[in-house]
Amino acid sequence: MPATSERLRTGRPEFIFVGDHPAVDFANTLLMVNGQVTDYLRTWTDVVQWLSRTGLSVDPSLKLAAARCGKALENVAELRQAWKAELACLIAGRKVSDEFVERLNRRLAADIFYEKLHRQGKKRFHLVRSISQLRGEQLALAILGRQIAVFLAQANLNYLRRCANTTSCALYFYDTTKNHRRQWCSVTGCGNRHKVAEFRKRQAANLSETTGSA
């Protein structure tokens, strides 16, 4: 987590992780509520720190020379915007576009890595994937593209949700709860605000009934 002084200096709010999958959390780094935009990835350093905080990569080769940071950030933002559009389609009951699938496949094809078979005990083996040979912006895009591809391939997309607080929250999440009845981005956030609002409504209704019967 970046120090408070750094957050104040950069003007970036603290990262949020409520999506229950890195691909969903990536989409949640850009929010627009009531016309107000909150971008958690305002600099290339933010991208590098976010990848570190998610545990996806701490590869030092992600760092770029200052002259390359602007374009690299633009490319990550473009992928994020396209992914958010696909999430909105899924929430609305539509399918992921063929164009986006092709885009991900091109990104996957550009990655460079190898796998090695490791012995695990006497009769068991497992494959270990090497660190990608890509660097900088291309490495970041490969990591993000693969997380999106893994999510689409492995997740039950019927459990993709948007926070029930649609008036002031635009966060997505993957509902991994046992009964798949999660409604809120977080219980302490929108869930708690909903409970408080409902309590105040009941108080107001009870007061109105009391006043009316007096």
Protein backbone atom coordinates (compact mmCIF):
# COMPACT_ATOMS: atom_id res chain seq x y z
CA MET A 1 0.00 0.00 0.00
CA PRO A 2 1.48 3.41 -0.93
CA ALA A 3 2.11 5.79 1.92
CA THR A 4 -0.52 8.38 2.75
CA SER A 5 1.87 11.18 1.77
CA GLU A 6 2.32 9.59 -1.66
CA ARG A 7 -1.44 9.23 -2.15
CA LEU A 8 -1.87 12.89 -1.29
CA ARG A 9 0.96 13.85 -3.63
CA THR A 10 -0.35 11.88 -6.59
CA GLY A 11 -4.01 12.63 -5.92
CA ARG A 12 -4.89 8.98 -6.49
CA PRO A 13 -7.39 7.36 -4.11
CA GLU A 14 -6.41 4.10 -2.43
CA PHE A 15 -6.90 0.97 -4.54
CA ILE A 16 -10.06 -1.05 -3.97
CA PHE A 17 -10.33 -4.83 -4.28
CA VAL A 18 -13.90 -6.09 -4.08
CA GLY A 19 -14.20 -7.94 -7.40
CA ASP A 20 -13.02 -11.37 -6.17
CA HIS A 21 -10.98 -11.74 -9.37
CA PRO A 22 -8.08 -9.63 -10.71
CA ALA A 23 -9.82 -9.17 -14.08
CA VAL A 24 -12.87 -7.65 -12.38
CA ASP A 25 -10.73 -5.55 -10.06
CA PHE A 26 -8.90 -4.22 -13.12
CA ALA A 27 -12.20 -3.00 -14.57
CA ASN A 28 -12.99 -1.38 -11.21
CA THR A 29 -9.92 0.87 -11.44
CA LEU A 30 -12.05 3.26 -13.50
CA LEU A 31 -15.40 4.39 -12.10
CA MET A 32 -17.97 6.89 -13.29
CA VAL A 33 -20.84 7.75 -10.97
CA ASN A 34 -23.19 10.67 -11.64
CA GLY A 35 -20.80 12.03 -14.24
CA GLN A 36 -17.85 12.01 -11.84
CA VAL A 37 -14.82 9.97 -12.92
CA THR A 38 -12.48 8.24 -10.47
CA ASP A 39 -9.38 6.76 -12.10
CA TYR A 40 -7.09 4.66 -9.91
CA LEU A 41 -4.48 4.29 -12.67
CA ARG A 42 -3.44 7.84 -13.43
CA THR A 43 0.25 7.18 -13.95
CA TRP A 44 2.38 4.25 -15.09
CA THR A 45 3.64 3.96 -11.51
CA ASP A 46 0.02 3.35 -10.46
CA VAL A 47 -0.18 0.46 -12.94
CA VAL A 48 3.03 -1.08 -11.61
CA GLN A 49 1.87 -0.67 -7.99
CA TRP A 50 -1.56 -2.13 -8.79
CA LEU A 51 0.00 -5.22 -10.39
CA SER A 52 2.14 -5.61 -7.29
CA ARG A 53 -0.79 -5.19 -4.88
CA THR A 54 -2.82 -7.83 -6.73
CA GLY A 55 0.10 -10.26 -6.58
CA LEU A 56 0.15 -10.56 -10.36
CA SER A 57 3.70 -9.30 -10.83
CA VAL A 58 6.54 -7.54 -9.08
CA ASP A 59 8.83 -7.85 -12.10
CA PRO A 60 11.22 -4.86 -12.12
CA SER A 61 11.10 -4.83 -15.93
CA LEU A 62 7.60 -3.34 -15.68
CA LYS A 63 9.21 0.02 -14.95
CA LEU A 64 9.59 2.28 -17.96
CA ALA A 65 11.55 5.33 -18.95
CA ALA A 66 9.56 8.52 -18.46
CA ALA A 67 9.26 9.10 -22.21
CA ARG A 68 7.42 5.78 -22.69
CA CYS A 69 5.04 6.00 -19.73
CA GLY A 70 2.35 8.11 -21.39
CA LYS A 71 1.76 5.80 -24.35
CA ALA A 72 1.98 2.71 -22.16
CA LEU A 73 -0.65 4.08 -19.79
CA GLU A 74 -2.86 4.95 -22.76
CA ASN A 75 -2.70 1.35 -24.03
CA VAL A 76 -3.60 -0.09 -20.63
CA ALA A 77 -6.48 2.38 -20.32
CA GLU A 78 -7.72 1.38 -23.78
CA LEU A 79 -7.76 -2.32 -22.80
CA ARG A 80 -9.56 -1.44 -19.57
CA GLN A 81 -12.23 0.57 -21.39
CA ALA A 82 -12.85 -2.24 -23.87
CA TRP A 83 -13.09 -4.77 -21.02
CA LYS A 84 -15.54 -2.60 -19.07
CA ALA A 85 -17.74 -2.39 -22.15
CA GLU A 86 -17.76 -6.20 -22.37
CA LEU A 87 -18.63 -6.51 -18.67
CA ALA A 88 -21.57 -4.16 -19.21
CA CYS A 89 -22.74 -6.39 -22.06
CA LEU A 90 -22.50 -9.49 -19.88
CA ILE A 91 -24.47 -7.82 -17.08
CA ALA A 92 -27.13 -6.91 -19.65
CA GLY A 93 -27.36 -10.55 -20.77
CA ARG A 94 -25.44 -10.15 -24.03
CA LYS A 95 -22.35 -12.06 -25.15
CA VAL A 96 -18.74 -10.98 -25.30
CA SER A 97 -17.99 -9.63 -28.76
CA ASP A 98 -15.96 -11.65 -31.25
CA GLU A 99 -13.74 -8.60 -31.75
CA PHE A 100 -12.78 -8.57 -28.07
CA VAL A 101 -12.07 -12.32 -28.07
CA GLU A 102 -9.81 -11.85 -31.10
CA ARG A 103 -8.08 -8.97 -29.33
CA LEU A 104 -7.36 -11.16 -26.31
CA ASN A 105 -6.11 -13.99 -28.53
CA ARG A 106 -3.67 -11.63 -30.23
CA ARG A 107 -2.43 -10.54 -26.83
CA LEU A 108 -2.05 -14.16 -25.67
CA ALA A 109 -0.22 -15.08 -28.86
CA ALA A 110 2.30 -12.30 -28.28
CA ASP A 111 3.39 -13.67 -24.90
CA ILE A 112 6.69 -15.54 -24.65
CA PHE A 113 7.15 -18.20 -21.96
CA TYR A 114 7.84 -21.88 -21.50
CA GLU A 115 6.59 -24.64 -19.21
CA LYS A 116 8.71 -27.16 -17.33
CA LEU A 117 7.61 -30.47 -15.84
CA HIS A 118 8.50 -30.82 -12.14
CA ARG A 119 8.38 -34.03 -10.14
CA GLN A 120 6.19 -33.92 -7.04
CA GLY A 121 6.78 -37.01 -4.95
CA LYS A 122 7.17 -40.46 -6.48
CA LYS A 123 4.21 -40.57 -8.84
CA ARG A 124 3.00 -36.99 -9.24
CA PHE A 125 4.10 -34.17 -11.48
CA HIS A 126 3.12 -30.57 -12.08
CA LEU A 127 3.85 -27.98 -14.75
CA VAL A 128 5.59 -24.75 -13.81
CA ARG A 129 5.19 -21.80 -16.12
CA SER A 130 8.22 -19.56 -16.57
CA ILE A 131 8.23 -15.83 -16.14
CA SER A 132 7.18 -14.11 -19.36
CA GLN A 133 10.01 -12.93 -21.57
CA LEU A 134 8.10 -9.74 -22.35
CA ARG A 135 9.07 -6.47 -20.71
CA GLY A 136 7.53 -3.15 -19.71
CA GLU A 137 4.22 -2.21 -21.28
CA GLN A 138 3.97 -5.46 -23.27
CA LEU A 139 4.42 -7.50 -20.09
CA ALA A 140 1.70 -5.53 -18.29
CA LEU A 141 -0.72 -5.94 -21.18
CA ALA A 142 0.04 -9.68 -21.40
CA ILE A 143 -0.63 -10.12 -17.67
CA LEU A 144 -3.88 -8.17 -17.80
CA GLY A 145 -5.04 -9.84 -21.02
CA ARG A 146 -4.38 -13.30 -19.60
CA GLN A 147 -6.31 -12.53 -16.41
CA ILE A 148 -9.30 -11.44 -18.48
CA ALA A 149 -9.02 -14.58 -20.63
CA VAL A 150 -8.77 -16.81 -17.54
CA PHE A 151 -11.83 -15.15 -16.05
CA LEU A 152 -13.87 -15.66 -19.21
CA ALA A 153 -12.71 -19.27 -19.52
CA GLN A 154 -13.12 -20.35 -15.90
CA ALA A 155 -15.75 -18.17 -14.25
CA ASN A 156 -19.46 -18.90 -14.24
CA LEU A 157 -20.52 -15.66 -15.89
CA ASN A 158 -24.01 -16.01 -14.40
CA TYR A 159 -22.42 -14.92 -11.13
CA LEU A 160 -20.93 -11.71 -12.48
CA ARG A 161 -22.67 -8.86 -10.67
CA ARG A 162 -22.82 -5.11 -10.44
CA CYS A 163 -23.37 -3.60 -7.01
CA ALA A 164 -27.08 -3.28 -6.19
CA ASN A 165 -26.44 0.36 -5.27
CA THR A 166 -26.79 1.46 -8.89
CA THR A 167 -27.44 5.10 -7.98
CA SER A 168 -24.01 5.84 -6.50
CA CYS A 169 -21.81 2.79 -7.13
CA ALA A 170 -20.47 1.33 -10.38
CA LEU A 171 -18.38 -1.53 -9.00
CA TYR A 172 -18.49 -5.03 -10.48
CA PHE A 173 -17.83 -8.24 -8.55
CA TYR A 174 -17.78 -11.98 -9.06
CA ASP A 175 -20.16 -13.62 -6.61
CA THR A 176 -18.28 -16.53 -5.05
CA THR A 177 -20.54 -16.81 -2.00
CA LYS A 178 -22.05 -20.22 -1.24
CA ASN A 179 -25.63 -19.27 -2.10
CA HIS A 180 -24.65 -16.69 -4.75
CA ARG A 181 -26.85 -14.02 -3.18
CA ARG A 182 -24.28 -11.29 -2.76
CA GLN A 183 -25.75 -7.89 -3.68
CA TRP A 184 -23.23 -5.30 -2.58
CA CYS A 185 -19.67 -4.43 -3.51
CA SER A 186 -18.93 -4.68 0.21
CA VAL A 187 -20.98 -5.21 3.36
CA THR A 188 -19.22 -2.35 5.13
CA GLY A 189 -19.68 0.00 2.17
CA CYS A 190 -22.85 0.00 0.11
CA GLY A 191 -24.40 -2.81 2.17
CA ASN A 192 -24.13 -0.80 5.37
CA ARG A 193 -25.37 2.39 3.70
CA HIS A 194 -28.41 0.47 2.44
CA LYS A 195 -29.20 -0.78 5.96
CA VAL A 196 -28.91 2.73 7.37
CA ALA A 197 -31.16 4.13 4.63
CA GLU A 198 -33.78 1.43 5.22
CA PHE A 199 -33.67 2.06 8.97
CA ARG A 200 -34.24 5.78 8.44
CA LYS A 201 -37.15 5.02 6.11
CA ARG A 202 -38.76 2.86 8.79
CA GLN A 203 -38.20 5.55 11.38
CA ALA A 204 -39.77 8.17 9.14
CA ALA A 205 -42.75 5.88 8.41
CA ASN A 206 -43.29 5.16 12.10
CA LEU A 207 -43.07 8.86 12.94
CA SER A 208 -45.58 9.66 10.22
CA GLU A 209 -48.01 7.03 11.54
CA THR A 210 -47.60 8.30 15.09
CA THR A 211 -48.18 11.90 14.05
CA GLY A 212 -51.19 10.95 11.93
CA SER A 213 -52.88 9.08 14.76
CA ALA A 214 -52.30 11.81 17.36
